[in-house]
PDB file of all heavy atoms in Angstrom:
ATOM      1  N   CYS A   1      28.754  -5.737  21.023  1.00  0.00           N
ATOM      2  CA  CYS A   1      29.465  -6.188  19.840  1.00  0.00           C
ATOM      3  C   CYS A   1      30.884  -6.601  20.230  1.00  0.00           C
ATOM      4  O   CYS A   1      31.604  -5.822  20.840  1.00  0.00           O
ATOM      5  CB  CYS A   1      29.506  -5.058  18.815  1.00  0.00           C
ATOM      6  SG  CYS A   1      30.279  -5.539  17.288  1.00  0.00           S
ATOM      7  N   LEU A   2      31.244  -7.793  19.873  1.00  0.00           N
ATOM      8  CA  LEU A   2      32.595  -8.265  20.181  1.00  0.00           C
ATOM      9  C   LEU A   2      33.495  -7.964  18.993  1.00  0.00           C
ATOM     10  O   LEU A   2      33.198  -8.326  17.868  1.00  0.00           O
ATOM     11  CB  LEU A   2      32.594  -9.764  20.443  1.00  0.00           C
ATOM     12  CG  LEU A   2      31.814 -10.234  21.656  1.00  0.00           C
ATOM     13  CD1 LEU A   2      31.808 -11.747  21.707  1.00  0.00           C
ATOM     14  CD2 LEU A   2      32.439  -9.683  22.917  1.00  0.00           C
ATOM     15  N   ARG A   3      34.572  -7.323  19.257  1.00  0.00           N
ATOM     16  CA  ARG A   3      35.523  -7.004  18.202  1.00  0.00           C
ATOM     17  C   ARG A   3      36.753  -7.886  18.362  1.00  0.00           C
ATOM     18  O   ARG A   3      37.372  -7.917  19.410  1.00  0.00           O
ATOM     19  CB  ARG A   3      35.939  -5.548  18.262  1.00  0.00           C
ATOM     20  CG  ARG A   3      34.826  -4.614  17.928  1.00  0.00           C
ATOM     21  CD  ARG A   3      35.363  -3.221  17.889  1.00  0.00           C
ATOM     22  NE  ARG A   3      34.899  -2.622  16.650  1.00  0.00           N
ATOM     23  CZ  ARG A   3      35.300  -1.465  16.206  1.00  0.00           C
ATOM     24  NH1 ARG A   3      36.192  -0.794  16.871  1.00  0.00           N
ATOM     25  NH2 ARG A   3      34.810  -0.975  15.102  1.00  0.00           N
ATOM     26  N   VAL A   4      37.093  -8.586  17.305  1.00  0.00           N
ATOM     27  CA  VAL A   4      38.273  -9.438  17.328  1.00  0.00           C
ATOM     28  C   VAL A   4      39.180  -8.952  16.223  1.00  0.00           C
ATOM     29  O   VAL A   4      38.779  -8.830  15.078  1.00  0.00           O
ATOM     30  CB  VAL A   4      37.894 -10.917  17.119  1.00  0.00           C
ATOM     31  CG1 VAL A   4      39.122 -11.798  17.164  1.00  0.00           C
ATOM     32  CG2 VAL A   4      36.868 -11.346  18.148  1.00  0.00           C
ATOM     33  N   ARG A   5      40.408  -8.668  16.571  1.00  0.00           N
ATOM     34  CA  ARG A   5      41.355  -8.155  15.586  1.00  0.00           C
ATOM     35  C   ARG A   5      42.143  -9.284  14.918  1.00  0.00           C
ATOM     36  O   ARG A   5      42.379 -10.325  15.513  1.00  0.00           O
ATOM     37  CB  ARG A   5      42.352  -7.203  16.264  1.00  0.00           C
ATOM     38  CG  ARG A   5      41.732  -5.869  16.597  1.00  0.00           C
ATOM     39  CD  ARG A   5      42.782  -4.939  17.128  1.00  0.00           C
ATOM     40  NE  ARG A   5      42.499  -4.742  18.564  1.00  0.00           N
ATOM     41  CZ  ARG A   5      43.387  -4.436  19.452  1.00  0.00           C
ATOM     42  NH1 ARG A   5      44.633  -4.296  19.114  1.00  0.00           N
ATOM     43  NH2 ARG A   5      43.048  -4.266  20.685  1.00  0.00           N
ATOM     44  N   ASP A   6      42.570  -9.041  13.707  1.00  0.00           N
ATOM     45  CA  ASP A   6      43.441  -9.937  12.947  1.00  0.00           C
ATOM     46  C   ASP A   6      42.880 -11.348  12.773  1.00  0.00           C
ATOM     47  O   ASP A   6      43.625 -12.315  12.766  1.00  0.00           O
ATOM     48  CB  ASP A   6      44.835 -10.014  13.601  1.00  0.00           C
ATOM     49  CG  ASP A   6      45.495  -8.655  13.633  1.00  0.00           C
ATOM     50  OD1 ASP A   6      45.198  -7.837  12.737  1.00  0.00           O
ATOM     51  OD2 ASP A   6      46.309  -8.426  14.534  1.00  0.00           O
ATOM     52  N   ASP A   7      41.588 -11.459  12.660  1.00  0.00           N
ATOM     53  CA  ASP A   7      40.987 -12.758  12.370  1.00  0.00           C
ATOM     54  C   ASP A   7      40.686 -12.847  10.889  1.00  0.00           C
ATOM     55  O   ASP A   7      40.068 -11.958  10.312  1.00  0.00           O
ATOM     56  CB  ASP A   7      39.687 -12.950  13.147  1.00  0.00           C
ATOM     57  CG  ASP A   7      39.919 -13.626  14.475  1.00  0.00           C
ATOM     58  OD1 ASP A   7      41.055 -14.040  14.709  1.00  0.00           O
ATOM     59  OD2 ASP A   7      38.957 -13.732  15.262  1.00  0.00           O
ATOM     60  N   GLU A   8      41.159 -13.940  10.299  1.00  0.00           N
ATOM     61  CA  GLU A   8      40.853 -14.162   8.889  1.00  0.00           C
ATOM     62  C   GLU A   8      39.654 -15.094   8.810  1.00  0.00           C
ATOM     63  O   GLU A   8      39.496 -15.984   9.641  1.00  0.00           O
ATOM     64  CB  GLU A   8      42.050 -14.811   8.181  1.00  0.00           C
ATOM     65  CG  GLU A   8      43.266 -13.923   8.142  1.00  0.00           C
ATOM     66  CD  GLU A   8      44.419 -14.591   7.422  1.00  0.00           C
ATOM     67  OE1 GLU A   8      44.192 -15.616   6.757  1.00  0.00           O
ATOM     68  OE2 GLU A   8      45.534 -14.091   7.532  1.00  0.00           O
ATOM     69  N   PRO A   9      38.824 -14.914   7.818  1.00  0.00           N
ATOM     70  CA  PRO A   9      37.689 -15.827   7.692  1.00  0.00           C
ATOM     71  C   PRO A   9      38.187 -17.238   7.391  1.00  0.00           C
ATOM     72  O   PRO A   9      39.172 -17.424   6.692  1.00  0.00           O
ATOM     73  CB  PRO A   9      36.891 -15.271   6.510  1.00  0.00           C
ATOM     74  CG  PRO A   9      37.829 -14.378   5.785  1.00  0.00           C
ATOM     75  CD  PRO A   9      38.838 -13.903   6.781  1.00  0.00           C
ATOM     76  N   SER A  10      37.504 -18.208   7.967  1.00  0.00           N
ATOM     77  CA  SER A  10      37.951 -19.589   7.755  1.00  0.00           C
ATOM     78  C   SER A  10      37.662 -20.004   6.310  1.00  0.00           C
ATOM     79  O   SER A  10      36.664 -19.612   5.718  1.00  0.00           O
ATOM     80  CB  SER A  10      37.248 -20.529   8.725  1.00  0.00           C
ATOM     81  OG  SER A  10      35.852 -20.479   8.482  1.00  0.00           O
ATOM     82  N   GLN A  11      38.556 -20.815   5.799  1.00  0.00           N
ATOM     83  CA  GLN A  11      38.413 -21.253   4.419  1.00  0.00           C
ATOM     84  C   GLN A  11      37.517 -22.477   4.361  1.00  0.00           C
ATOM     85  O   GLN A  11      37.556 -23.336   5.232  1.00  0.00           O
ATOM     86  CB  GLN A  11      39.775 -21.606   3.831  1.00  0.00           C
ATOM     87  CG  GLN A  11      40.718 -20.436   3.764  1.00  0.00           C
ATOM     88  CD  GLN A  11      42.071 -20.879   3.217  1.00  0.00           C
ATOM     89  OE1 GLN A  11      42.301 -22.052   3.006  1.00  0.00           O
ATOM     90  NE2 GLN A  11      42.942 -19.917   2.993  1.00  0.00           N
ATOM     91  N   VAL A  12      36.705 -22.528   3.331  1.00  0.00           N
ATOM     92  CA  VAL A  12      35.840 -23.673   3.173  1.00  0.00           C
ATOM     93  C   VAL A  12      36.671 -24.898   2.784  1.00  0.00           C
ATOM     94  O   VAL A  12      36.502 -25.984   3.308  1.00  0.00           O
ATOM     95  CB  VAL A  12      34.771 -23.405   2.092  1.00  0.00           C
ATOM     96  CG1 VAL A  12      33.897 -24.632   1.884  1.00  0.00           C
ATOM     97  CG2 VAL A  12      33.927 -22.213   2.479  1.00  0.00           C
ATOM     98  N   TYR A  13      37.602 -24.713   1.842  1.00  0.00           N
ATOM     99  CA  TYR A  13      38.500 -25.785   1.421  1.00  0.00           C
ATOM    100  C   TYR A  13      39.926 -25.371   1.754  1.00  0.00           C
ATOM    101  O   TYR A  13      40.596 -24.770   0.930  1.00  0.00           O
ATOM    102  CB  TYR A  13      38.380 -26.047  -0.084  1.00  0.00           C
ATOM    103  CG  TYR A  13      37.008 -26.487  -0.485  1.00  0.00           C
ATOM    104  CD1 TYR A  13      36.156 -25.650  -1.178  1.00  0.00           C
ATOM    105  CD2 TYR A  13      36.556 -27.760  -0.161  1.00  0.00           C
ATOM    106  CE1 TYR A  13      34.891 -26.057  -1.542  1.00  0.00           C
ATOM    107  CE2 TYR A  13      35.295 -28.184  -0.527  1.00  0.00           C
ATOM    108  CZ  TYR A  13      34.460 -27.326  -1.219  1.00  0.00           C
ATOM    109  OH  TYR A  13      33.217 -27.738  -1.579  1.00  0.00           O
ATOM    110  N   PRO A  14      40.390 -25.680   2.949  1.00  0.00           N
ATOM    111  CA  PRO A  14      41.755 -25.276   3.292  1.00  0.00           C
ATOM    112  C   PRO A  14      42.764 -26.014   2.410  1.00  0.00           C
ATOM    113  O   PRO A  14      42.505 -27.125   1.959  1.00  0.00           O
ATOM    114  CB  PRO A  14      41.901 -25.697   4.749  1.00  0.00           C
ATOM    115  CG  PRO A  14      40.912 -26.780   4.923  1.00  0.00           C
ATOM    116  CD  PRO A  14      39.769 -26.473   3.986  1.00  0.00           C
ATOM    117  N   GLU A  15      43.872 -25.359   2.184  1.00  0.00           N
ATOM    118  CA  GLU A  15      44.900 -25.995   1.369  1.00  0.00           C
ATOM    119  C   GLU A  15      45.462 -27.181   2.132  1.00  0.00           C
ATOM    120  O   GLU A  15      45.962 -27.044   3.228  1.00  0.00           O
ATOM    121  CB  GLU A  15      46.012 -25.002   1.048  1.00  0.00           C
ATOM    122  CG  GLU A  15      45.585 -23.934   0.078  1.00  0.00           C
ATOM    123  CD  GLU A  15      46.744 -23.067  -0.343  1.00  0.00           C
ATOM    124  OE1 GLU A  15      47.867 -23.579  -0.368  1.00  0.00           O
ATOM    125  OE2 GLU A  15      46.496 -21.894  -0.642  1.00  0.00           O
ATOM    126  N   GLY A  16      45.362 -28.310   1.509  1.00  0.00           N
ATOM    127  CA  GLY A  16      45.828 -29.522   2.163  1.00  0.00           C
ATOM    128  C   GLY A  16      46.144 -30.552   1.120  1.00  0.00           C
ATOM    129  O   GLY A  16      46.534 -30.225   0.000  1.00  0.00           O
ATOM    130  N   PRO A  17      45.968 -31.806   1.452  1.00  0.00           N
ATOM    131  CA  PRO A  17      46.297 -32.847   0.485  1.00  0.00           C
ATOM    132  C   PRO A  17      45.395 -32.747  -0.747  1.00  0.00           C
ATOM    133  O   PRO A  17      44.187 -32.672  -0.643  1.00  0.00           O
ATOM    134  CB  PRO A  17      46.045 -34.144   1.239  1.00  0.00           C
ATOM    135  CG  PRO A  17      45.478 -33.794   2.545  1.00  0.00           C
ATOM    136  CD  PRO A  17      45.511 -32.328   2.712  1.00  0.00           C
ATOM    137  N   ARG A  18      46.007 -32.715  -1.872  1.00  0.00           N
ATOM    138  CA  ARG A  18      45.286 -32.711  -3.135  1.00  0.00           C
ATOM    139  C   ARG A  18      46.151 -33.433  -4.150  1.00  0.00           C
ATOM    140  O   ARG A  18      47.340 -33.615  -3.950  1.00  0.00           O
ATOM    141  CB  ARG A  18      44.976 -31.300  -3.611  1.00  0.00           C
ATOM    142  CG  ARG A  18      46.211 -30.472  -3.893  1.00  0.00           C
ATOM    143  CD  ARG A  18      45.818 -29.076  -4.364  1.00  0.00           C
ATOM    144  NE  ARG A  18      47.005 -28.278  -4.552  1.00  0.00           N
ATOM    145  CZ  ARG A  18      47.705 -28.218  -5.685  1.00  0.00           C
ATOM    146  NH1 ARG A  18      47.313 -28.901  -6.732  1.00  0.00           N
ATOM    147  NH2 ARG A  18      48.785 -27.487  -5.779  1.00  0.00           N
ATOM    148  N   HIS A  19      45.550 -33.854  -5.215  1.00  0.00           N
ATOM    149  CA  HIS A  19      46.312 -34.541  -6.246  1.00  0.00           C
ATOM    150  C   HIS A  19      47.082 -33.513  -7.053  1.00  0.00           C
ATOM    151  O   HIS A  19      46.480 -32.666  -7.707  1.00  0.00           O
ATOM    152  CB  HIS A  19      45.395 -35.353  -7.154  1.00  0.00           C
ATOM    153  CG  HIS A  19      44.646 -36.434  -6.433  1.00  0.00           C
ATOM    154  ND1 HIS A  19      45.214 -37.219  -5.463  1.00  0.00           N
ATOM    155  CD2 HIS A  19      43.380 -36.880  -6.543  1.00  0.00           C
ATOM    156  CE1 HIS A  19      44.346 -38.081  -5.019  1.00  0.00           C
ATOM    157  NE2 HIS A  19      43.213 -37.893  -5.646  1.00  0.00           N
ATOM    158  N   PRO A  20      48.399 -33.581  -7.016  1.00  0.00           N
ATOM    159  CA  PRO A  20      49.190 -32.596  -7.746  1.00  0.00           C
ATOM    160  C   PRO A  20      49.120 -32.836  -9.251  1.00  0.00           C
ATOM    161  O   PRO A  20      48.904 -33.963  -9.706  1.00  0.00           O
ATOM    162  CB  PRO A  20      50.610 -32.805  -7.233  1.00  0.00           C
ATOM    163  CG  PRO A  20      50.626 -34.226  -6.805  1.00  0.00           C
ATOM    164  CD  PRO A  20      49.239 -34.547  -6.327  1.00  0.00           C
ATOM    165  N   HIS A  21      49.269 -31.792  -9.980  1.00  0.00           N
ATOM    166  CA  HIS A  21      49.359 -31.903 -11.430  1.00  0.00           C
ATOM    167  C   HIS A  21      50.666 -32.633 -11.736  1.00  0.00           C
ATOM    168  O   HIS A  21      51.651 -32.454 -11.025  1.00  0.00           O
ATOM    169  CB  HIS A  21      49.360 -30.505 -12.044  1.00  0.00           C
ATOM    170  CG  HIS A  21      49.188 -30.508 -13.520  1.00  0.00           C
ATOM    171  ND1 HIS A  21      50.253 -30.558 -14.380  1.00  0.00           N
ATOM    172  CD2 HIS A  21      48.076 -30.491 -14.294  1.00  0.00           C
ATOM    173  CE1 HIS A  21      49.804 -30.559 -15.620  1.00  0.00           C
ATOM    174  NE2 HIS A  21      48.484 -30.516 -15.599  1.00  0.00           N
ATOM    175  N   PRO A  22      50.698 -33.456 -12.785  1.00  0.00           N
ATOM    176  CA  PRO A  22      51.931 -34.228 -13.057  1.00  0.00           C
ATOM    177  C   PRO A  22      53.186 -33.369 -13.157  1.00  0.00           C
ATOM    178  O   PRO A  22      54.269 -33.801 -12.802  1.00  0.00           O
ATOM    179  CB  PRO A  22      51.630 -34.908 -14.382  1.00  0.00           C
ATOM    180  CG  PRO A  22      50.155 -35.018 -14.435  1.00  0.00           C
ATOM    181  CD  PRO A  22      49.628 -33.827 -13.692  1.00  0.00           C
ATOM    182  N   SER A  23      53.051 -32.149 -13.623  1.00  0.00           N
ATOM    183  CA  SER A  23      54.238 -31.307 -13.750  1.00  0.00           C
ATOM    184  C   SER A  23      54.718 -30.794 -12.397  1.00  0.00           C
ATOM    185  O   SER A  23      55.819 -30.276 -12.288  1.00  0.00           O
ATOM    186  CB  SER A  23      53.951 -30.124 -14.670  1.00  0.00           C
ATOM    187  OG  SER A  23      52.947 -29.305 -14.093  1.00  0.00           O
ATOM    188  N   GLU A  24      53.898 -30.973 -11.355  1.00  0.00           N
ATOM    189  CA  GLU A  24      54.279 -30.496 -10.027  1.00  0.00           C
ATOM    190  C   GLU A  24      55.007 -31.562  -9.209  1.00  0.00           C
ATOM    191  O   GLU A  24      55.351 -31.323  -8.062  1.00  0.00           O
ATOM    192  CB  GLU A  24      53.032 -30.039  -9.261  1.00  0.00           C
ATOM    193  CG  GLU A  24      52.344 -28.828  -9.862  1.00  0.00           C
ATOM    194  CD  GLU A  24      51.075 -28.466  -9.122  1.00  0.00           C
ATOM    195  OE1 GLU A  24      50.771 -29.113  -8.108  1.00  0.00           O
ATOM    196  OE2 GLU A  24      50.398 -27.546  -9.560  1.00  0.00           O
ATOM    197  N   LEU A  25      55.224 -32.737  -9.773  1.00  0.00           N
ATOM    198  CA  LEU A  25      55.929 -33.785  -9.035  1.00  0.00           C
ATOM    199  C   LEU A  25      57.375 -33.373  -8.790  1.00  0.00           C
ATOM    200  O   LEU A  25      58.030 -32.810  -9.662  1.00  0.00           O
ATOM    201  CB  LEU A  25      55.910 -35.095  -9.811  1.00  0.00           C
ATOM    202  CG  LEU A  25      54.564 -35.782  -9.939  1.00  0.00           C
ATOM    203  CD1 LEU A  25      54.693 -37.008 -10.811  1.00  0.00           C
ATOM    204  CD2 LEU A  25      54.029 -36.159  -8.588  1.00  0.00           C
ATOM    205  N   THR A  26      57.845 -33.683  -7.615  1.00  0.00           N
ATOM    206  CA  THR A  26      59.224 -33.327  -7.276  1.00  0.00           C
ATOM    207  C   THR A  26      60.177 -34.364  -7.851  1.00  0.00           C
ATOM    208  O   THR A  26      59.767 -35.441  -8.280  1.00  0.00           O
ATOM    209  CB  THR A  26      59.395 -33.264  -5.748  1.00  0.00           C
ATOM    210  OG1 THR A  26      59.172 -34.566  -5.227  1.00  0.00           O
ATOM    211  CG2 THR A  26      58.446 -32.268  -5.123  1.00  0.00           C
ATOM    212  N   ALA A  27      61.427 -34.040  -7.829  1.00  0.00           N
ATOM    213  CA  ALA A  27      62.447 -34.969  -8.337  1.00  0.00           C
ATOM    214  C   ALA A  27      62.479 -36.244  -7.503  1.00  0.00           C
ATOM    215  O   ALA A  27      62.640 -37.345  -8.032  1.00  0.00           O
ATOM    216  CB  ALA A  27      63.804 -34.298  -8.325  1.00  0.00           C
ATOM    217  N   ARG A  28      62.291 -36.096  -6.196  1.00  0.00           N
ATOM    218  CA  ARG A  28      62.314 -37.271  -5.319  1.00  0.00           C
ATOM    219  C   ARG A  28      61.137 -38.198  -5.619  1.00  0.00           C
ATOM    220  O   ARG A  28      61.287 -39.419  -5.648  1.00  0.00           O
ATOM    221  CB  ARG A  28      62.273 -36.823  -3.869  1.00  0.00           C
ATOM    222  CG  ARG A  28      62.299 -37.978  -2.907  1.00  0.00           C
ATOM    223  CD  ARG A  28      62.315 -37.536  -1.476  1.00  0.00           C
ATOM    224  NE  ARG A  28      62.278 -38.710  -0.622  1.00  0.00           N
ATOM    225  CZ  ARG A  28      62.713 -38.741   0.601  1.00  0.00           C
ATOM    226  NH1 ARG A  28      63.234 -37.665   1.126  1.00  0.00           N
ATOM    227  NH2 ARG A  28      62.643 -39.827   1.317  1.00  0.00           N
ATOM    228  N   GLN A  29      59.971 -37.599  -5.851  1.00  0.00           N
ATOM    229  CA  GLN A  29      58.799 -38.413  -6.150  1.00  0.00           C
ATOM    230  C   GLN A  29      58.986 -39.178  -7.456  1.00  0.00           C
ATOM    231  O   GLN A  29      58.649 -40.357  -7.545  1.00  0.00           O
ATOM    232  CB  GLN A  29      57.552 -37.542  -6.243  1.00  0.00           C
ATOM    233  CG  GLN A  29      57.047 -37.063  -4.896  1.00  0.00           C
ATOM    234  CD  GLN A  29      55.922 -36.066  -5.025  1.00  0.00           C
ATOM    235  OE1 GLN A  29      55.936 -35.234  -5.944  1.00  0.00           O
ATOM    236  NE2 GLN A  29      54.959 -36.134  -4.135  1.00  0.00           N
ATOM    237  N   SER A  30      59.532 -38.508  -8.446  1.00  0.00           N
ATOM    238  CA  SER A  30      59.723 -39.188  -9.726  1.00  0.00           C
ATOM    239  C   SER A  30      60.788 -40.284  -9.599  1.00  0.00           C
ATOM    240  O   SER A  30      60.669 -41.348 -10.202  1.00  0.00           O
ATOM    241  CB  SER A  30      60.090 -38.201 -10.823  1.00  0.00           C
ATOM    242  OG  SER A  30      61.284 -37.530 -10.515  1.00  0.00           O
ATOM    243  N   ALA A  31      61.810 -40.045  -8.773  1.00  0.00           N
ATOM    244  CA  ALA A  31      62.838 -41.070  -8.553  1.00  0.00           C
ATOM    245  C   ALA A  31      62.234 -42.267  -7.822  1.00  0.00           C
ATOM    246  O   ALA A  31      62.514 -43.424  -8.184  1.00  0.00           O
ATOM    247  CB  ALA A  31      63.994 -40.495  -7.759  1.00  0.00           C
ATOM    248  N   ASP A  32      61.408 -42.011  -6.814  1.00  0.00           N
ATOM    249  CA  ASP A  32      60.767 -43.105  -6.079  1.00  0.00           C
ATOM    250  C   ASP A  32      59.877 -43.931  -6.999  1.00  0.00           C
ATOM    251  O   ASP A  32      59.853 -45.159  -6.929  1.00  0.00           O
ATOM    252  CB  ASP A  32      59.936 -42.565  -4.916  1.00  0.00           C
ATOM    253  CG  ASP A  32      60.790 -42.032  -3.778  1.00  0.00           C
ATOM    254  OD1 ASP A  32      62.001 -42.334  -3.766  1.00  0.00           O
ATOM    255  OD2 ASP A  32      60.250 -41.312  -2.918  1.00  0.00           O
ATOM    256  N   LYS A  33      59.160 -43.244  -7.865  1.00  0.00           N
ATOM    257  CA  LYS A  33      58.276 -43.932  -8.794  1.00  0.00           C
ATOM    258  C   LYS A  33      59.085 -44.809  -9.759  1.00  0.00           C
ATOM    259  O   LYS A  33      58.711 -45.943 -10.043  1.00  0.00           O
ATOM    260  CB  LYS A  33      57.475 -42.895  -9.589  1.00  0.00           C
ATOM    261  CG  LYS A  33      56.215 -43.402 -10.181  1.00  0.00           C
ATOM    262  CD  LYS A  33      55.390 -42.253 -10.726  1.00  0.00           C
ATOM    263  CE  LYS A  33      53.985 -42.690 -11.017  1.00  0.00           C
ATOM    264  NZ  LYS A  33      53.147 -41.617 -11.485  1.00  0.00           N
ATOM    265  N   ARG A  34      60.212 -44.280 -10.214  1.00  0.00           N
ATOM    266  CA  ARG A  34      61.067 -45.037 -11.138  1.00  0.00           C
ATOM    267  C   ARG A  34      61.650 -46.268 -10.442  1.00  0.00           C
ATOM    268  O   ARG A  34      61.721 -47.359 -11.018  1.00  0.00           O
ATOM    269  CB  ARG A  34      62.169 -44.128 -11.666  1.00  0.00           C
ATOM    270  CG  ARG A  34      62.971 -44.726 -12.791  1.00  0.00           C
ATOM    271  CD  ARG A  34      63.892 -43.715 -13.430  1.00  0.00           C
ATOM    272  NE  ARG A  34      64.836 -43.140 -12.505  1.00  0.00           N
ATOM    273  CZ  ARG A  34      64.858 -41.848 -12.148  1.00  0.00           C
ATOM    274  NH1 ARG A  34      64.000 -41.003 -12.645  1.00  0.00           N
ATOM    275  NH2 ARG A  34      65.759 -41.409 -11.298  1.00  0.00           N
ATOM    276  N   ILE A  35      62.056 -46.107  -9.175  1.00  0.00           N
ATOM    277  CA  ILE A  35      62.617 -47.227  -8.410  1.00  0.00           C
ATOM    278  C   ILE A  35      61.565 -48.332  -8.252  1.00  0.00           C
ATOM    279  O   ILE A  35      61.857 -49.511  -8.451  1.00  0.00           O
ATOM    280  CB  ILE A  35      63.130 -46.750  -7.039  1.00  0.00           C
ATOM    281  CG1 ILE A  35      64.390 -45.911  -7.226  1.00  0.00           C
ATOM    282  CG2 ILE A  35      63.395 -47.917  -6.105  1.00  0.00           C
ATOM    283  CD1 ILE A  35      64.828 -45.182  -5.992  1.00  0.00           C
ATOM    284  N   LEU A  36      60.337 -47.955  -7.902  1.00  0.00           N
ATOM    285  CA  LEU A  36      59.277 -48.951  -7.754  1.00  0.00           C
ATOM    286  C   LEU A  36      59.000 -49.659  -9.076  1.00  0.00           C
ATOM    287  O   LEU A  36      58.797 -50.869  -9.115  1.00  0.00           O
ATOM    288  CB  LEU A  36      57.992 -48.283  -7.248  1.00  0.00           C
ATOM    289  CG  LEU A  36      57.998 -47.854  -5.788  1.00  0.00           C
ATOM    290  CD1 LEU A  36      56.723 -47.119  -5.436  1.00  0.00           C
ATOM    291  CD2 LEU A  36      58.180 -49.054  -4.888  1.00  0.00           C
ATOM    292  N   TYR A  37      59.006 -48.890 -10.160  1.00  0.00           N
ATOM    293  CA  TYR A  37      58.769 -49.474 -11.476  1.00  0.00           C
ATOM    294  C   TYR A  37      59.852 -50.500 -11.811  1.00  0.00           C
ATOM    295  O   TYR A  37      59.557 -51.604 -12.273  1.00  0.00           O
ATOM    296  CB  TYR A  37      58.733 -48.379 -12.540  1.00  0.00           C
ATOM    297  CG  TYR A  37      58.673 -48.907 -13.945  1.00  0.00           C
ATOM    298  CD1 TYR A  37      57.494 -49.446 -14.453  1.00  0.00           C
ATOM    299  CD2 TYR A  37      59.795 -48.893 -14.760  1.00  0.00           C
ATOM    300  CE1 TYR A  37      57.447 -49.944 -15.737  1.00  0.00           C
ATOM    301  CE2 TYR A  37      59.757 -49.387 -16.043  1.00  0.00           C
ATOM    302  CZ  TYR A  37      58.575 -49.912 -16.529  1.00  0.00           C
ATOM    303  OH  TYR A  37      58.531 -50.408 -17.803  1.00  0.00           O
ATOM    304  N   LEU A  38      61.113 -50.161 -11.544  1.00  0.00           N
ATOM    305  CA  LEU A  38      62.208 -51.083 -11.849  1.00  0.00           C
ATOM    306  C   LEU A  38      62.167 -52.326 -10.965  1.00  0.00           C
ATOM    307  O   LEU A  38      62.491 -53.425 -11.414  1.00  0.00           O
ATOM    308  CB  LEU A  38      63.554 -50.372 -11.715  1.00  0.00           C
ATOM    309  CG  LEU A  38      63.836 -49.324 -12.795  1.00  0.00           C
ATOM    310  CD1 LEU A  38      65.111 -48.572 -12.490  1.00  0.00           C
ATOM    311  CD2 LEU A  38      63.919 -49.972 -14.149  1.00  0.00           C
ATOM    312  N   ARG A  39      61.764 -52.159  -9.695  1.00  0.00           N
ATOM    313  CA  ARG A  39      61.628 -53.321  -8.812  1.00  0.00           C
ATOM    314  C   ARG A  39      60.573 -54.283  -9.353  1.00  0.00           C
ATOM    315  O   ARG A  39      60.790 -55.495  -9.390  1.00  0.00           O
ATOM    316  CB  ARG A  39      61.231 -52.882  -7.407  1.00  0.00           C
ATOM    317  CG  ARG A  39      62.373 -52.424  -6.565  1.00  0.00           C
ATOM    318  CD  ARG A  39      61.899 -52.152  -5.166  1.00  0.00           C
ATOM    319  NE  ARG A  39      62.901 -51.442  -4.407  1.00  0.00           N
ATOM    320  CZ  ARG A  39      62.641 -50.696  -3.362  1.00  0.00           C
ATOM    321  NH1 ARG A  39      61.402 -50.557  -2.943  1.00  0.00           N
ATOM    322  NH2 ARG A  39      63.602 -50.074  -2.721  1.00  0.00           N
ATOM    323  N   ASN A  40      59.438 -53.719  -9.749  1.00  0.00           N
ATOM    324  CA  ASN A  40      58.370 -54.565 -10.277  1.00  0.00           C
ATOM    325  C   ASN A  40      58.806 -55.239 -11.576  1.00  0.00           C
ATOM    326  O   ASN A  40      58.456 -56.386 -11.830  1.00  0.00           O
ATOM    327  CB  ASN A  40      57.095 -53.753 -10.507  1.00  0.00           C
ATOM    328  CG  ASN A  40      56.410 -53.415  -9.203  1.00  0.00           C
ATOM    329  OD1 ASN A  40      56.573 -54.113  -8.214  1.00  0.00           O
ATOM    330  ND2 ASN A  40      55.661 -52.336  -9.191  1.00  0.00           N
ATOM    331  N   LEU A  41      59.580 -54.519 -12.371  1.00  0.00           N
ATOM    332  CA  LEU A  41      60.085 -55.079 -13.618  1.00  0.00           C
ATOM    333  C   LEU A  41      60.985 -56.284 -13.333  1.00  0.00           C
ATOM    334  O   LEU A  41      60.884 -57.324 -13.984  1.00  0.00           O
ATOM    335  CB  LEU A  41      60.852 -54.001 -14.379  1.00  0.00           C
ATOM    336  CG  LEU A  41      61.041 -54.185 -15.860  1.00  0.00           C
ATOM    337  CD1 LEU A  41      59.700 -54.187 -16.557  1.00  0.00           C
ATOM    338  CD2 LEU A  41      61.888 -53.060 -16.418  1.00  0.00           C
ATOM    339  N   ARG A  42      61.856 -56.135 -12.322  1.00  0.00           N
ATOM    340  CA  ARG A  42      62.741 -57.237 -11.938  1.00  0.00           C
ATOM    341  C   ARG A  42      61.945 -58.449 -11.461  1.00  0.00           C
ATOM    342  O   ARG A  42      62.266 -59.587 -11.792  1.00  0.00           O
ATOM    343  CB  ARG A  42      63.694 -56.788 -10.833  1.00  0.00           C
ATOM    344  CG  ARG A  42      65.100 -56.595 -11.325  1.00  0.00           C
ATOM    345  CD  ARG A  42      66.049 -56.373 -10.186  1.00  0.00           C
ATOM    346  NE  ARG A  42      66.392 -54.959 -10.143  1.00  0.00           N
ATOM    347  CZ  ARG A  42      66.580 -54.252  -9.040  1.00  0.00           C
ATOM    348  NH1 ARG A  42      66.485 -54.821  -7.883  1.00  0.00           N
ATOM    349  NH2 ARG A  42      66.881 -52.990  -9.098  1.00  0.00           N
ATOM    350  N   LYS A  43      60.891 -58.182 -10.651  1.00  0.00           N
ATOM    351  CA  LYS A  43      60.057 -59.278 -10.157  1.00  0.00           C
ATOM    352  C   LYS A  43      59.393 -60.012 -11.317  1.00  0.00           C
ATOM    353  O   LYS A  43      59.363 -61.241 -11.346  1.00  0.00           O
ATOM    354  CB  LYS A  43      58.972 -58.739  -9.224  1.00  0.00           C
ATOM    355  CG  LYS A  43      59.468 -58.335  -7.860  1.00  0.00           C
ATOM    356  CD  LYS A  43      58.311 -57.815  -7.039  1.00  0.00           C
ATOM    357  CE  LYS A  43      58.773 -57.176  -5.755  1.00  0.00           C
ATOM    358  NZ  LYS A  43      57.650 -56.572  -5.024  1.00  0.00           N
TER     359      LYS A  43
END
């Protein structure tokens, strides 16, 4: 029997890229979105 210490079971869905809930958007993301919107408006 092989004993391995401090091993956590691997996750089936590791935390990684996912679509954030709209309330989780950062201030920078919302500013970038607003800038793109205004650029398109100008065009």
